[in-house]
Amino acid sequence: MRAVAQGKSAEIDAKKATRSGSRTPVAAAKIGVSKVFMEGKDMDANLYRSAQLKAGNKIEGPAVVLEMDSTTVILSGHTGNVDKFGNILIAPSA
């Protein structure tokens, strides 16, 4: 079965995240440290509250970003970059 929709799309203004500045480093969103098992070993991961992250923040792995309805894991050797819409874009650090 296939569905095709035609018509003018709705104009939607995407809500942008607040921009990070020197006054709002990623450390402001940190809520603790937890033991995690990644890459075959135990390690410490920083815990962050998603709602407190700002556009431009960089999160070095290992890290866990907590939300009410989801969890984002950033592996060791990776960095999460918060974009202007509040998405966390994860890529290898190197």
C-alpha atoms as a PDB file:
ATOM      1  CA  MET A   1       0.000   0.000   0.000  1.00  0.00           C
ATOM      2  CA  ARG A   2       1.281   3.487  -0.818  1.00  0.00           C
ATOM      3  CA  ALA A   3      -0.074   6.881   0.184  1.00  0.00           C
ATOM      4  CA  VAL A   4       0.542  10.113  -1.684  1.00  0.00           C
ATOM      5  CA  ALA A   5      -0.329  13.513  -0.275  1.00  0.00           C
ATOM      6  CA  GLN A   6      -0.588  16.673  -2.333  1.00  0.00           C
ATOM      7  CA  GLY A   7      -1.059  20.231  -1.283  1.00  0.00           C
ATOM      8  CA  LYS A   8       0.731  23.155   0.225  1.00  0.00           C
ATOM      9  CA  SER A   9       2.725  22.302   3.343  1.00  0.00           C
ATOM     10  CA  ALA A  10       2.074  24.184   6.551  1.00  0.00           C
ATOM     11  CA  GLU A  11       4.492  26.922   7.547  1.00  0.00           C
ATOM     12  CA  ILE A  12       6.108  25.863  10.806  1.00  0.00           C
ATOM     13  CA  ASP A  13       8.533  27.948  12.795  1.00  0.00           C
ATOM     14  CA  ALA A  14      11.000  25.595  14.441  1.00  0.00           C
ATOM     15  CA  LYS A  15      11.815  26.675  17.974  1.00  0.00           C
ATOM     16  CA  LYS A  16      15.514  27.485  18.286  1.00  0.00           C
ATOM     17  CA  ALA A  17      17.550  26.647  21.371  1.00  0.00           C
ATOM     18  CA  THR A  18      19.111  29.408  23.419  1.00  0.00           C
ATOM     19  CA  ARG A  19      22.646  30.099  22.253  1.00  0.00           C
ATOM     20  CA  SER A  20      25.496  29.133  24.555  1.00  0.00           C
ATOM     21  CA  GLY A  21      27.839  31.819  25.714  1.00  0.00           C
ATOM     22  CA  SER A  22      30.757  32.001  28.063  1.00  0.00           C
ATOM     23  CA  ARG A  23      28.199  32.311  30.878  1.00  0.00           C
ATOM     24  CA  THR A  24      26.492  29.006  29.994  1.00  0.00           C
ATOM     25  CA  PRO A  25      29.147  26.318  29.604  1.00  0.00           C
ATOM     26  CA  VAL A  26      28.112  22.687  29.251  1.00  0.00           C
ATOM     27  CA  ALA A  27      29.084  22.237  32.935  1.00  0.00           C
ATOM     28  CA  ALA A  28      25.907  24.179  33.852  1.00  0.00           C
ATOM     29  CA  ALA A  29      23.848  21.206  32.579  1.00  0.00           C
ATOM     30  CA  LYS A  30      25.915  18.568  34.405  1.00  0.00           C
ATOM     31  CA  ILE A  31      23.990  16.804  37.160  1.00  0.00           C
ATOM     32  CA  GLY A  32      26.427  14.109  38.210  1.00  0.00           C
ATOM     33  CA  VAL A  33      28.585  11.136  37.307  1.00  0.00           C
ATOM     34  CA  SER A  34      27.547   7.509  36.956  1.00  0.00           C
ATOM     35  CA  LYS A  35      29.343   4.209  36.455  1.00  0.00           C
ATOM     36  CA  VAL A  36      28.556   2.766  33.004  1.00  0.00           C
ATOM     37  CA  PHE A  37      29.650  -0.300  31.059  1.00  0.00           C
ATOM     38  CA  MET A  38      30.901   0.689  27.593  1.00  0.00           C
ATOM     39  CA  GLU A  39      33.383  -0.834  25.201  1.00  0.00           C
ATOM     40  CA  GLY A  40      33.740  -3.909  27.387  1.00  0.00           C
ATOM     41  CA  LYS A  41      34.725  -2.094  30.569  1.00  0.00           C
ATOM     42  CA  ASP A  42      33.391  -0.029  33.462  1.00  0.00           C
ATOM     43  CA  MET A  43      33.952   3.719  33.229  1.00  0.00           C
ATOM     44  CA  ASP A  44      32.606   6.963  34.634  1.00  0.00           C
ATOM     45  CA  ALA A  45      30.184   8.935  32.457  1.00  0.00           C
ATOM     46  CA  ASN A  46      29.054  12.503  33.055  1.00  0.00           C
ATOM     47  CA  LEU A  47      25.280  12.949  33.327  1.00  0.00           C
ATOM     48  CA  TYR A  48      23.603  15.993  31.768  1.00  0.00           C
ATOM     49  CA  ARG A  49      20.061  17.375  31.893  1.00  0.00           C
ATOM     50  CA  SER A  50      18.958  17.951  28.287  1.00  0.00           C
ATOM     51  CA  ALA A  51      16.724  20.939  29.108  1.00  0.00           C
ATOM     52  CA  GLN A  52      19.744  22.859  30.403  1.00  0.00           C
ATOM     53  CA  LEU A  53      21.902  22.369  27.308  1.00  0.00           C
ATOM     54  CA  LYS A  54      22.331  25.377  25.031  1.00  0.00           C
ATOM     55  CA  ALA A  55      23.067  25.662  21.306  1.00  0.00           C
ATOM     56  CA  GLY A  56      26.819  25.454  20.789  1.00  0.00           C
ATOM     57  CA  ASN A  57      27.496  23.245  23.843  1.00  0.00           C
ATOM     58  CA  LYS A  58      29.915  20.364  23.249  1.00  0.00           C
ATOM     59  CA  ILE A  59      29.563  17.169  25.297  1.00  0.00           C
ATOM     60  CA  GLU A  60      32.588  14.878  25.450  1.00  0.00           C
ATOM     61  CA  GLY A  61      31.910  11.163  25.824  1.00  0.00           C
ATOM     62  CA  PRO A  62      31.454   9.048  27.737  1.00  0.00           C
ATOM     63  CA  ALA A  63      28.287  10.883  28.691  1.00  0.00           C
ATOM     64  CA  VAL A  64      24.558  10.349  29.148  1.00  0.00           C
ATOM     65  CA  VAL A  65      22.028  13.091  28.406  1.00  0.00           C
ATOM     66  CA  LEU A  66      18.761  12.642  30.312  1.00  0.00           C
ATOM     67  CA  GLU A  67      15.281  13.762  29.289  1.00  0.00           C
ATOM     68  CA  MET A  68      11.863  12.913  30.639  1.00  0.00           C
ATOM     69  CA  ASP A  69      11.114  10.519  27.786  1.00  0.00           C
ATOM     70  CA  SER A  70      14.505   9.590  26.306  1.00  0.00           C
ATOM     71  CA  THR A  71      18.175   9.052  26.988  1.00  0.00           C
ATOM     72  CA  THR A  72      21.087   9.901  24.696  1.00  0.00           C
ATOM     73  CA  VAL A  73      24.361   8.010  25.113  1.00  0.00           C
ATOM     74  CA  ILE A  74      27.600   9.538  23.857  1.00  0.00           C
ATOM     75  CA  LEU A  75      30.346   6.943  23.653  1.00  0.00           C
ATOM     76  CA  SER A  76      33.932   7.422  24.700  1.00  0.00           C
ATOM     77  CA  GLY A  77      35.897   9.020  21.848  1.00  0.00           C
ATOM     78  CA  HIS A  78      32.821  10.854  20.563  1.00  0.00           C
ATOM     79  CA  THR A  79      31.510  14.398  20.964  1.00  0.00           C
ATOM     80  CA  GLY A  80      27.914  15.589  21.022  1.00  0.00           C
ATOM     81  CA  ASN A  81      27.382  19.058  19.557  1.00  0.00           C
ATOM     82  CA  VAL A  82      24.124  20.850  20.370  1.00  0.00           C
ATOM     83  CA  ASP A  83      22.797  22.544  17.225  1.00  0.00           C
ATOM     84  CA  LYS A  84      20.638  25.674  16.980  1.00  0.00           C
ATOM     85  CA  PHE A  85      17.454  23.594  17.388  1.00  0.00           C
ATOM     86  CA  GLY A  86      18.662  21.710  20.471  1.00  0.00           C
ATOM     87  CA  ASN A  87      19.483  18.460  18.625  1.00  0.00           C
ATOM     88  CA  ILE A  88      22.587  16.602  19.764  1.00  0.00           C
ATOM     89  CA  LEU A  89      24.740  15.700  16.764  1.00  0.00           C
ATOM     90  CA  ILE A  90      27.197  12.932  17.725  1.00  0.00           C
ATOM     91  CA  ALA A  91      30.433  12.323  15.825  1.00  0.00           C
ATOM     92  CA  PRO A  92      33.832  10.751  16.495  1.00  0.00           C
ATOM     93  CA  SER A  93      36.130  13.214  18.289  1.00  0.00           C
ATOM     94  CA  ALA A  94      39.126  12.648  16.026  1.00  0.00           C
END
